[in-house]
PDB file of all heavy atoms in Angstrom:
ATOM      1  N   VAL A   1       0.854  -1.183   0.000  1.00  0.00           N
ATOM      2  CA  VAL A   1       0.000   0.000   0.000  1.00  0.00           C
ATOM      3  C   VAL A   1       0.891   1.234   0.000  1.00  0.00           C
ATOM      4  O   VAL A   1       1.931   1.266   0.654  1.00  0.00           O
ATOM      5  CB  VAL A   1      -0.920  -0.010   1.254  1.00  0.00           C
ATOM      6  CG1 VAL A   1      -1.666   1.295   1.401  1.00  0.00           C
ATOM      7  CG2 VAL A   1      -1.880  -1.179   1.196  1.00  0.00           C
ATOM      8  N   TYR A   2       0.458   2.242  -0.738  1.00  0.00           N
ATOM      9  CA  TYR A   2       1.162   3.525  -0.788  1.00  0.00           C
ATOM     10  C   TYR A   2       0.253   4.583  -0.177  1.00  0.00           C
ATOM     11  O   TYR A   2      -0.939   4.627  -0.468  1.00  0.00           O
ATOM     12  CB  TYR A   2       1.520   3.891  -2.232  1.00  0.00           C
ATOM     13  CG  TYR A   2       2.530   2.945  -2.828  1.00  0.00           C
ATOM     14  CD1 TYR A   2       2.135   1.747  -3.407  1.00  0.00           C
ATOM     15  CD2 TYR A   2       3.887   3.237  -2.777  1.00  0.00           C
ATOM     16  CE1 TYR A   2       3.068   0.862  -3.936  1.00  0.00           C
ATOM     17  CE2 TYR A   2       4.822   2.360  -3.303  1.00  0.00           C
ATOM     18  CZ  TYR A   2       4.402   1.175  -3.881  1.00  0.00           C
ATOM     19  OH  TYR A   2       5.326   0.307  -4.390  1.00  0.00           O
ATOM     20  N   THR A   3       0.834   5.429   0.670  1.00  0.00           N
ATOM     21  CA  THR A   3       0.056   6.448   1.359  1.00  0.00           C
ATOM     22  C   THR A   3       0.690   7.827   1.180  1.00  0.00           C
ATOM     23  O   THR A   3       1.867   7.945   0.834  1.00  0.00           O
ATOM     24  CB  THR A   3      -0.033   6.149   2.866  1.00  0.00           C
ATOM     25  OG1 THR A   3       1.290   6.135   3.417  1.00  0.00           O
ATOM     26  CG2 THR A   3      -0.731   4.817   3.145  1.00  0.00           C
ATOM     27  N   VAL A   4      -0.131   8.839   1.442  1.00  0.00           N
ATOM     28  CA  VAL A   4       0.345  10.220   1.491  1.00  0.00           C
ATOM     29  C   VAL A   4      -0.086  10.774   2.842  1.00  0.00           C
ATOM     30  O   VAL A   4      -1.256  10.663   3.217  1.00  0.00           O
ATOM     31  CB  VAL A   4      -0.246  11.071   0.346  1.00  0.00           C
ATOM     32  CG1 VAL A   4       0.090  12.539   0.528  1.00  0.00           C
ATOM     33  CG2 VAL A   4       0.262  10.590  -0.998  1.00  0.00           C
ATOM     34  N   ASP A   5       0.851  11.360   3.562  1.00  0.00           N
ATOM     35  CA  ASP A   5       0.558  11.935   4.881  1.00  0.00           C
ATOM     36  C   ASP A   5       0.138  13.387   4.695  1.00  0.00           C
ATOM     37  O   ASP A   5       0.963  14.281   4.552  1.00  0.00           O
ATOM     38  CB  ASP A   5       1.785  11.823   5.782  1.00  0.00           C
ATOM     39  CG  ASP A   5       1.491  12.230   7.207  1.00  0.00           C
ATOM     40  OD1 ASP A   5       0.343  12.659   7.499  1.00  0.00           O
ATOM     41  OD2 ASP A   5       2.395  12.114   8.052  1.00  0.00           O
ATOM     42  N   LEU A   6      -1.178  13.607   4.700  1.00  0.00           N
ATOM     43  CA  LEU A   6      -1.708  14.948   4.469  1.00  0.00           C
ATOM     44  C   LEU A   6      -1.517  15.875   5.663  1.00  0.00           C
ATOM     45  O   LEU A   6      -1.651  17.089   5.523  1.00  0.00           O
ATOM     46  CB  LEU A   6      -3.190  14.861   4.106  1.00  0.00           C
ATOM     47  CG  LEU A   6      -3.487  14.127   2.801  1.00  0.00           C
ATOM     48  CD1 LEU A   6      -4.984  14.066   2.556  1.00  0.00           C
ATOM     49  CD2 LEU A   6      -2.783  14.777   1.635  1.00  0.00           C
ATOM     50  N   SER A   7      -1.201  15.322   6.814  1.00  0.00           N
ATOM     51  CA  SER A   7      -0.967  16.178   7.981  1.00  0.00           C
ATOM     52  C   SER A   7       0.316  17.001   7.814  1.00  0.00           C
ATOM     53  O   SER A   7       0.546  17.934   8.576  1.00  0.00           O
ATOM     54  CB  SER A   7      -0.908  15.346   9.259  1.00  0.00           C
ATOM     55  OG  SER A   7       0.216  14.492   9.258  1.00  0.00           O
ATOM     56  N   GLN A   8       1.137  16.677   6.821  1.00  0.00           N
ATOM     57  CA  GLN A   8       2.369  17.430   6.559  1.00  0.00           C
ATOM     58  C   GLN A   8       2.120  18.692   5.730  1.00  0.00           C
ATOM     59  O   GLN A   8       3.027  19.494   5.546  1.00  0.00           O
ATOM     60  CB  GLN A   8       3.378  16.544   5.844  1.00  0.00           C
ATOM     61  CG  GLN A   8       3.902  15.408   6.682  1.00  0.00           C
ATOM     62  CD  GLN A   8       4.930  14.582   5.923  1.00  0.00           C
ATOM     63  OE1 GLN A   8       5.401  14.949   4.848  1.00  0.00           O
ATOM     64  NE2 GLN A   8       5.295  13.446   6.492  1.00  0.00           N
ATOM     65  N   ILE A   9       0.909  18.852   5.203  1.00  0.00           N
ATOM     66  CA  ILE A   9       0.612  20.040   4.385  1.00  0.00           C
ATOM     67  C   ILE A   9       0.587  21.279   5.282  1.00  0.00           C
ATOM     68  O   ILE A   9      -0.049  21.287   6.331  1.00  0.00           O
ATOM     69  CB  ILE A   9      -0.727  19.874   3.643  1.00  0.00           C
ATOM     70  CG1 ILE A   9      -0.645  18.699   2.671  1.00  0.00           C
ATOM     71  CG2 ILE A   9      -1.096  21.164   2.900  1.00  0.00           C
ATOM     72  CD1 ILE A   9      -1.954  18.387   1.975  1.00  0.00           C
ATOM     73  N   LYS A  10       1.285  22.323   4.821  1.00  0.00           N
ATOM     74  CA  LYS A  10       1.360  23.582   5.561  1.00  0.00           C
ATOM     75  C   LYS A  10       0.841  24.720   4.684  1.00  0.00           C
ATOM     76  O   LYS A  10       0.607  24.536   3.495  1.00  0.00           O
ATOM     77  CB  LYS A  10       2.806  23.851   5.972  1.00  0.00           C
ATOM     78  CG  LYS A  10       3.373  22.777   6.883  1.00  0.00           C
ATOM     79  CD  LYS A  10       4.857  23.012   7.114  1.00  0.00           C
ATOM     80  CE  LYS A  10       5.495  21.944   7.953  1.00  0.00           C
ATOM     81  NZ  LYS A  10       5.214  20.574   7.606  1.00  0.00           N
ATOM     82  N   LYS A  11       0.699  25.886   5.256  1.00  0.00           N
ATOM     83  CA  LYS A  11       0.221  27.055   4.499  1.00  0.00           C
ATOM     84  C   LYS A  11       1.096  27.332   3.282  1.00  0.00           C
ATOM     85  O   LYS A  11       0.598  27.741   2.243  1.00  0.00           O
ATOM     86  CB  LYS A  11       0.186  28.292   5.394  1.00  0.00           C
ATOM     87  CG  LYS A  11      -0.956  28.321   6.347  1.00  0.00           C
ATOM     88  CD  LYS A  11      -0.981  29.635   7.118  1.00  0.00           C
ATOM     89  CE  LYS A  11      -2.172  29.651   8.052  1.00  0.00           C
ATOM     90  NZ  LYS A  11      -2.310  30.926   8.740  1.00  0.00           N
ATOM     91  N   THR A  12       2.389  27.094   3.421  1.00  0.00           N
ATOM     92  CA  THR A  12       3.310  27.376   2.309  1.00  0.00           C
ATOM     93  C   THR A  12       3.127  26.401   1.142  1.00  0.00           C
ATOM     94  O   THR A  12       3.675  26.625   0.071  1.00  0.00           O
ATOM     95  CB  THR A  12       4.773  27.328   2.792  1.00  0.00           C
ATOM     96  OG1 THR A  12       5.018  26.057   3.405  1.00  0.00           O
ATOM     97  CG2 THR A  12       5.060  28.440   3.781  1.00  0.00           C
ATOM     98  N   ASP A  13       2.373  25.319   1.359  1.00  0.00           N
ATOM     99  CA  ASP A  13       2.121  24.343   0.294  1.00  0.00           C
ATOM    100  C   ASP A  13       0.887  24.691  -0.533  1.00  0.00           C
ATOM    101  O   ASP A  13       0.515  23.937  -1.424  1.00  0.00           O
ATOM    102  CB  ASP A  13       1.953  22.938   0.893  1.00  0.00           C
ATOM    103  CG  ASP A  13       3.225  22.443   1.561  1.00  0.00           C
ATOM    104  OD1 ASP A  13       4.312  22.733   1.025  1.00  0.00           O
ATOM    105  OD2 ASP A  13       3.124  21.776   2.604  1.00  0.00           O
ATOM    106  N   ILE A  14       0.259  25.806  -0.225  1.00  0.00           N
ATOM    107  CA  ILE A  14      -0.930  26.245  -0.959  1.00  0.00           C
ATOM    108  C   ILE A  14      -0.574  27.536  -1.675  1.00  0.00           C
ATOM    109  O   ILE A  14      -0.204  28.531  -1.055  1.00  0.00           O
ATOM    110  CB  ILE A  14      -2.118  26.474   0.006  1.00  0.00           C
ATOM    111  CG1 ILE A  14      -2.397  25.211   0.811  1.00  0.00           C
ATOM    112  CG2 ILE A  14      -3.351  26.913  -0.768  1.00  0.00           C
ATOM    113  CD1 ILE A  14      -3.343  25.417   1.979  1.00  0.00           C
ATOM    114  N   ARG A  15      -0.669  27.535  -2.999  1.00  0.00           N
ATOM    115  CA  ARG A  15      -0.335  28.717  -3.804  1.00  0.00           C
ATOM    116  C   ARG A  15      -1.582  29.204  -4.546  1.00  0.00           C
ATOM    117  O   ARG A  15      -2.336  28.400  -5.098  1.00  0.00           O
ATOM    118  CB  ARG A  15       0.747  28.379  -4.828  1.00  0.00           C
ATOM    119  CG  ARG A  15       2.019  27.898  -4.226  1.00  0.00           C
ATOM    120  CD  ARG A  15       2.979  29.060  -3.955  1.00  0.00           C
ATOM    121  NE  ARG A  15       4.048  28.714  -3.045  1.00  0.00           N
ATOM    122  CZ  ARG A  15       5.057  27.916  -3.274  1.00  0.00           C
ATOM    123  NH1 ARG A  15       5.159  27.315  -4.428  1.00  0.00           N
ATOM    124  NH2 ARG A  15       5.978  27.700  -2.361  1.00  0.00           N
ATOM    125  N   PHE A  16      -1.775  30.511  -4.564  1.00  0.00           N
ATOM    126  CA  PHE A  16      -2.919  31.122  -5.237  1.00  0.00           C
ATOM    127  C   PHE A  16      -2.457  31.830  -6.496  1.00  0.00           C
ATOM    128  O   PHE A  16      -1.474  32.543  -6.480  1.00  0.00           O
ATOM    129  CB  PHE A  16      -3.582  32.176  -4.340  1.00  0.00           C
ATOM    130  CG  PHE A  16      -4.009  31.649  -3.012  1.00  0.00           C
ATOM    131  CD1 PHE A  16      -3.267  31.908  -1.872  1.00  0.00           C
ATOM    132  CD2 PHE A  16      -5.166  30.904  -2.900  1.00  0.00           C
ATOM    133  CE1 PHE A  16      -3.664  31.424  -0.642  1.00  0.00           C
ATOM    134  CE2 PHE A  16      -5.575  30.420  -1.669  1.00  0.00           C
ATOM    135  CZ  PHE A  16      -4.819  30.678  -0.541  1.00  0.00           C
ATOM    136  N   ASP A  17      -3.168  31.633  -7.574  1.00  0.00           N
ATOM    137  CA  ASP A  17      -2.996  32.433  -8.781  1.00  0.00           C
ATOM    138  C   ASP A  17      -4.338  33.123  -8.993  1.00  0.00           C
ATOM    139  O   ASP A  17      -5.252  32.562  -9.595  1.00  0.00           O
ATOM    140  CB  ASP A  17      -2.630  31.560  -9.976  1.00  0.00           C
ATOM    141  CG  ASP A  17      -2.336  32.377 -11.228  1.00  0.00           C
ATOM    142  OD1 ASP A  17      -2.731  33.577 -11.280  1.00  0.00           O
ATOM    143  OD2 ASP A  17      -1.725  31.821 -12.153  1.00  0.00           O
ATOM    144  N   GLU A  18      -4.457  34.349  -8.424  1.00  0.00           N
ATOM    145  CA  GLU A  18      -5.736  35.063  -8.456  1.00  0.00           C
ATOM    146  C   GLU A  18      -6.162  35.408  -9.873  1.00  0.00           C
ATOM    147  O   GLU A  18      -7.342  35.386 -10.196  1.00  0.00           O
ATOM    148  CB  GLU A  18      -5.646  36.328  -7.598  1.00  0.00           C
ATOM    149  CG  GLU A  18      -5.510  36.016  -6.128  1.00  0.00           C
ATOM    150  CD  GLU A  18      -5.388  37.262  -5.275  1.00  0.00           C
ATOM    151  OE1 GLU A  18      -5.976  38.296  -5.645  1.00  0.00           O
ATOM    152  OE2 GLU A  18      -4.707  37.181  -4.240  1.00  0.00           O
ATOM    153  N   GLU A  19      -5.191  35.693 -10.730  1.00  0.00           N
ATOM    154  CA  GLU A  19      -5.506  36.060 -12.107  1.00  0.00           C
ATOM    155  C   GLU A  19      -6.092  34.883 -12.879  1.00  0.00           C
ATOM    156  O   GLU A  19      -7.102  35.018 -13.568  1.00  0.00           O
ATOM    157  CB  GLU A  19      -4.237  36.574 -12.798  1.00  0.00           C
ATOM    158  CG  GLU A  19      -4.497  37.236 -14.120  1.00  0.00           C
ATOM    159  CD  GLU A  19      -3.209  37.841 -14.668  1.00  0.00           C
ATOM    160  OE1 GLU A  19      -2.622  38.691 -13.981  1.00  0.00           O
ATOM    161  OE2 GLU A  19      -2.828  37.419 -15.776  1.00  0.00           O
ATOM    162  N   ALA A  20      -5.453  33.710 -12.764  1.00  0.00           N
ATOM    163  CA  ALA A  20      -5.918  32.519 -13.482  1.00  0.00           C
ATOM    164  C   ALA A  20      -6.996  31.759 -12.701  1.00  0.00           C
ATOM    165  O   ALA A  20      -7.568  30.798 -13.211  1.00  0.00           O
ATOM    166  CB  ALA A  20      -4.743  31.592 -13.776  1.00  0.00           C
ATOM    167  N   LYS A  21      -7.238  32.173 -11.439  1.00  0.00           N
ATOM    168  CA  LYS A  21      -8.225  31.513 -10.565  1.00  0.00           C
ATOM    169  C   LYS A  21      -7.870  30.035 -10.348  1.00  0.00           C
ATOM    170  O   LYS A  21      -8.713  29.157 -10.437  1.00  0.00           O
ATOM    171  CB  LYS A  21      -9.643  31.632 -11.117  1.00  0.00           C
ATOM    172  CG  LYS A  21     -10.110  33.040 -11.372  1.00  0.00           C
ATOM    173  CD  LYS A  21     -10.575  33.656 -10.104  1.00  0.00           C
ATOM    174  CE  LYS A  21     -11.220  35.019 -10.421  1.00  0.00           C
ATOM    175  NZ  LYS A  21     -11.128  35.937  -9.351  1.00  0.00           N
ATOM    176  N   ILE A  22      -6.577  29.787 -10.059  1.00  0.00           N
ATOM    177  CA  ILE A  22      -6.088  28.427  -9.828  1.00  0.00           C
ATOM    178  C   ILE A  22      -5.419  28.372  -8.460  1.00  0.00           C
ATOM    179  O   ILE A  22      -4.621  29.239  -8.108  1.00  0.00           O
ATOM    180  CB  ILE A  22      -5.074  27.997 -10.908  1.00  0.00           C
ATOM    181  CG1 ILE A  22      -5.753  27.928 -12.275  1.00  0.00           C
ATOM    182  CG2 ILE A  22      -4.442  26.650 -10.555  1.00  0.00           C
ATOM    183  CD1 ILE A  22      -4.785  27.684 -13.418  1.00  0.00           C
ATOM    184  N   ILE A  23      -5.740  27.336  -7.727  1.00  0.00           N
ATOM    185  CA  ILE A  23      -5.064  27.057  -6.469  1.00  0.00           C
ATOM    186  C   ILE A  23      -4.215  25.815  -6.707  1.00  0.00           C
ATOM    187  O   ILE A  23      -4.718  24.796  -7.184  1.00  0.00           O
ATOM    188  CB  ILE A  23      -6.064  26.811  -5.335  1.00  0.00           C
ATOM    189  CG1 ILE A  23      -6.859  28.084  -5.093  1.00  0.00           C
ATOM    190  CG2 ILE A  23      -5.353  26.345  -4.075  1.00  0.00           C
ATOM    191  CD1 ILE A  23      -7.991  27.925  -4.144  1.00  0.00           C
ATOM    192  N   THR A  24      -2.931  25.898  -6.391  1.00  0.00           N
ATOM    193  CA  THR A  24      -2.032  24.750  -6.525  1.00  0.00           C
ATOM    194  C   THR A  24      -1.717  24.258  -5.119  1.00  0.00           C
ATOM    195  O   THR A  24      -1.274  25.029  -4.266  1.00  0.00           O
ATOM    196  CB  THR A  24      -0.741  25.133  -7.261  1.00  0.00           C
ATOM    197  OG1 THR A  24      -1.086  25.702  -8.531  1.00  0.00           O
ATOM    198  CG2 THR A  24       0.130  23.911  -7.480  1.00  0.00           C
ATOM    199  N   LEU A  25      -1.956  22.970  -4.911  1.00  0.00           N
ATOM    200  CA  LEU A  25      -1.698  22.334  -3.620  1.00  0.00           C
ATOM    201  C   LEU A  25      -0.517  21.388  -3.786  1.00  0.00           C
ATOM    202  O   LEU A  25      -0.548  20.492  -4.632  1.00  0.00           O
ATOM    203  CB  LEU A  25      -2.937  21.567  -3.153  1.00  0.00           C
ATOM    204  CG  LEU A  25      -2.826  20.778  -1.861  1.00  0.00           C
ATOM    205  CD1 LEU A  25      -2.493  21.699  -0.687  1.00  0.00           C
ATOM    206  CD2 LEU A  25      -4.116  20.031  -1.587  1.00  0.00           C
ATOM    207  N   TYR A  26       0.530  21.611  -3.010  1.00  0.00           N
ATOM    208  CA  TYR A  26       1.724  20.757  -3.057  1.00  0.00           C
ATOM    209  C   TYR A  26       1.623  19.735  -1.930  1.00  0.00           C
ATOM    210  O   TYR A  26       1.486  20.097  -0.764  1.00  0.00           O
ATOM    211  CB  TYR A  26       2.998  21.601  -2.917  1.00  0.00           C
ATOM    212  CG  TYR A  26       3.196  22.509  -4.108  1.00  0.00           C
ATOM    213  CD1 TYR A  26       2.712  23.811  -4.105  1.00  0.00           C
ATOM    214  CD2 TYR A  26       3.843  22.047  -5.242  1.00  0.00           C
ATOM    215  CE1 TYR A  26       2.872  24.634  -5.208  1.00  0.00           C
ATOM    216  CE2 TYR A  26       4.017  22.863  -6.345  1.00  0.00           C
ATOM    217  CZ  TYR A  26       3.520  24.156  -6.328  1.00  0.00           C
ATOM    218  OH  TYR A  26       3.673  24.965  -7.417  1.00  0.00           O
ATOM    219  N   ILE A  27       1.680  18.470  -2.310  1.00  0.00           N
ATOM    220  CA  ILE A  27       1.549  17.378  -1.342  1.00  0.00           C
ATOM    221  C   ILE A  27       2.856  16.600  -1.267  1.00  0.00           C
ATOM    222  O   ILE A  27       3.658  16.633  -2.203  1.00  0.00           O
ATOM    223  CB  ILE A  27       0.385  16.431  -1.714  1.00  0.00           C
ATOM    224  CG1 ILE A  27       0.642  15.758  -3.069  1.00  0.00           C
ATOM    225  CG2 ILE A  27      -0.938  17.163  -1.687  1.00  0.00           C
ATOM    226  CD1 ILE A  27      -0.338  14.653  -3.427  1.00  0.00           C
ATOM    227  N   PRO A  28       3.085  15.872  -0.172  1.00  0.00           N
ATOM    228  CA  PRO A  28       4.278  15.028  -0.107  1.00  0.00           C
ATOM    229  C   PRO A  28       4.174  13.874  -1.108  1.00  0.00           C
ATOM    230  O   PRO A  28       3.069  13.486  -1.499  1.00  0.00           O
ATOM    231  CB  PRO A  28       4.276  14.481   1.326  1.00  0.00           C
ATOM    232  CG  PRO A  28       3.125  15.087   2.024  1.00  0.00           C
ATOM    233  CD  PRO A  28       2.298  15.829   1.045  1.00  0.00           C
ATOM    234  N   HIS A  29       5.305  13.340  -1.491  1.00  0.00           N
ATOM    235  CA  HIS A  29       5.322  12.169  -2.363  1.00  0.00           C
ATOM    236  C   HIS A  29       4.703  10.985  -1.629  1.00  0.00           C
ATOM    237  O   HIS A  29       4.726  10.909  -0.398  1.00  0.00           O
ATOM    238  CB  HIS A  29       6.754  11.817  -2.788  1.00  0.00           C
ATOM    239  CG  HIS A  29       7.311  12.755  -3.799  1.00  0.00           C
ATOM    240  ND1 HIS A  29       7.030  12.650  -5.145  1.00  0.00           N
ATOM    241  CD2 HIS A  29       8.117  13.829  -3.660  1.00  0.00           C
ATOM    242  CE1 HIS A  29       7.655  13.615  -5.790  1.00  0.00           C
ATOM    243  NE2 HIS A  29       8.314  14.344  -4.912  1.00  0.00           N
ATOM    244  N   ALA A  30       4.175  10.052  -2.398  1.00  0.00           N
ATOM    245  CA  ALA A  30       3.618   8.827  -1.821  1.00  0.00           C
ATOM    246  C   ALA A  30       4.739   8.036  -1.148  1.00  0.00           C
ATOM    247  O   ALA A  30       5.890   8.067  -1.586  1.00  0.00           O
ATOM    248  CB  ALA A  30       2.950   7.986  -2.905  1.00  0.00           C
ATOM    249  N   VAL A  31       4.379   7.324  -0.100  1.00  0.00           N
ATOM    250  CA  VAL A  31       5.329   6.519   0.662  1.00  0.00           C
ATOM    251  C   VAL A  31       4.855   5.071   0.641  1.00  0.00           C
ATOM    252  O   VAL A  31       3.664   4.800   0.829  1.00  0.00           O
ATOM    253  CB  VAL A  31       5.425   7.016   2.122  1.00  0.00           C
ATOM    254  CG1 VAL A  31       6.294   6.106   2.966  1.00  0.00           C
ATOM    255  CG2 VAL A  31       5.944   8.437   2.170  1.00  0.00           C
ATOM    256  N   GLN A  32       5.780   4.178   0.400  1.00  0.00           N
ATOM    257  CA  GLN A  32       5.446   2.752   0.383  1.00  0.00           C
ATOM    258  C   GLN A  32       5.425   2.221   1.809  1.00  0.00           C
ATOM    259  O   GLN A  32       6.374   2.400   2.560  1.00  0.00           O
ATOM    260  CB  GLN A  32       6.462   1.979  -0.443  1.00  0.00           C
ATOM    261  CG  GLN A  32       6.191   0.486  -0.447  1.00  0.00           C
ATOM    262  CD  GLN A  32       7.263  -0.304  -1.151  1.00  0.00           C
ATOM    263  OE1 GLN A  32       7.727   0.084  -2.211  1.00  0.00           O
ATOM    264  NE2 GLN A  32       7.670  -1.405  -0.552  1.00  0.00           N
ATOM    265  N   GLU A  33       4.340   1.566   2.161  1.00  0.00           N
ATOM    266  CA  GLU A  33       4.253   0.876   3.442  1.00  0.00           C
ATOM    267  C   GLU A  33       4.892  -0.508   3.275  1.00  0.00           C
ATOM    268  O   GLU A  33       5.309  -0.878   2.189  1.00  0.00           O
ATOM    269  CB  GLU A  33       2.796   0.757   3.884  1.00  0.00           C
ATOM    270  CG  GLU A  33       2.076   2.104   4.009  1.00  0.00           C
ATOM    271  CD  GLU A  33       2.641   3.022   5.075  1.00  0.00           C
ATOM    272  OE1 GLU A  33       3.118   2.515   6.111  1.00  0.00           O
ATOM    273  OE2 GLU A  33       2.615   4.246   4.882  1.00  0.00           O
ATOM    274  N   GLU A  34       4.936  -1.287   4.331  1.00  0.00           N
ATOM    275  CA  GLU A  34       5.574  -2.609   4.293  1.00  0.00           C
ATOM    276  C   GLU A  34       4.797  -3.567   3.390  1.00  0.00           C
ATOM    277  O   GLU A  34       3.574  -3.526   3.322  1.00  0.00           O
ATOM    278  CB  GLU A  34       5.632  -3.187   5.712  1.00  0.00           C
ATOM    279  CG  GLU A  34       6.383  -4.487   5.795  1.00  0.00           C
ATOM    280  CD  GLU A  34       6.489  -5.017   7.206  1.00  0.00           C
ATOM    281  OE1 GLU A  34       6.394  -4.220   8.149  1.00  0.00           O
ATOM    282  OE2 GLU A  34       6.662  -6.230   7.355  1.00  0.00           O
ATOM    283  N   ILE A  35       5.528  -4.422   2.694  1.00  0.00           N
ATOM    284  CA  ILE A  35       4.904  -5.456   1.864  1.00  0.00           C
ATOM    285  C   ILE A  35       4.244  -6.467   2.793  1.00  0.00           C
ATOM    286  O   ILE A  35       4.895  -7.025   3.674  1.00  0.00           O
ATOM    287  CB  ILE A  35       5.941  -6.155   0.961  1.00  0.00           C
ATOM    288  CG1 ILE A  35       6.581  -5.155  -0.002  1.00  0.00           C
ATOM    289  CG2 ILE A  35       5.291  -7.304   0.190  1.00  0.00           C
ATOM    290  CD1 ILE A  35       7.757  -5.711  -0.794  1.00  0.00           C
ATOM    291  N   ASN A  36       2.958  -6.681   2.595  1.00  0.00           N
ATOM    292  CA  ASN A  36       2.193  -7.595   3.446  1.00  0.00           C
ATOM    293  C   ASN A  36       2.020  -8.929   2.708  1.00  0.00           C
ATOM    294  O   ASN A  36       1.448  -8.966   1.627  1.00  0.00           O
ATOM    295  CB  ASN A  36       0.834  -6.981   3.772  1.00  0.00           C
ATOM    296  CG  ASN A  36       0.001  -7.866   4.666  1.00  0.00           C
ATOM    297  OD1 ASN A  36       0.523  -8.687   5.409  1.00  0.00           O
ATOM    298  ND2 ASN A  36      -1.300  -7.703   4.585  1.00  0.00           N
ATOM    299  N   ILE A  37       2.531 -10.005   3.299  1.00  0.00           N
ATOM    300  CA  ILE A  37       2.389 -11.349   2.729  1.00  0.00           C
ATOM    301  C   ILE A  37       1.590 -12.177   3.738  1.00  0.00           C
ATOM    302  O   ILE A  37       2.158 -12.738   4.672  1.00  0.00           O
ATOM    303  CB  ILE A  37       3.752 -12.015   2.459  1.00  0.00           C
ATOM    304  CG1 ILE A  37       4.628 -11.132   1.570  1.00  0.00           C
ATOM    305  CG2 ILE A  37       3.554 -13.390   1.826  1.00  0.00           C
ATOM    306  CD1 ILE A  37       6.053 -11.621   1.410  1.00  0.00           C
ATOM    307  N   PRO A  38       0.274 -12.249   3.580  1.00  0.00           N
ATOM    308  CA  PRO A  38      -0.537 -13.038   4.517  1.00  0.00           C
ATOM    309  C   PRO A  38      -0.194 -14.522   4.406  1.00  0.00           C
ATOM    310  O   PRO A  38       0.121 -15.025   3.324  1.00  0.00           O
ATOM    311  CB  PRO A  38      -1.982 -12.793   4.065  1.00  0.00           C
ATOM    312  CG  PRO A  38      -1.925 -11.636   3.125  1.00  0.00           C
ATOM    313  CD  PRO A  38      -0.541 -11.572   2.578  1.00  0.00           C
TER     314      PRO A  38
END
């Protein structure tokens, strides 16, 4: 399973382009959890 820890998002990761009306959200890269072999 691959996860993204959204609790790491900070104010500086949100960018506004008022002219183009676009919000860009920068998130951490996905992280691989342990391989599970039942």
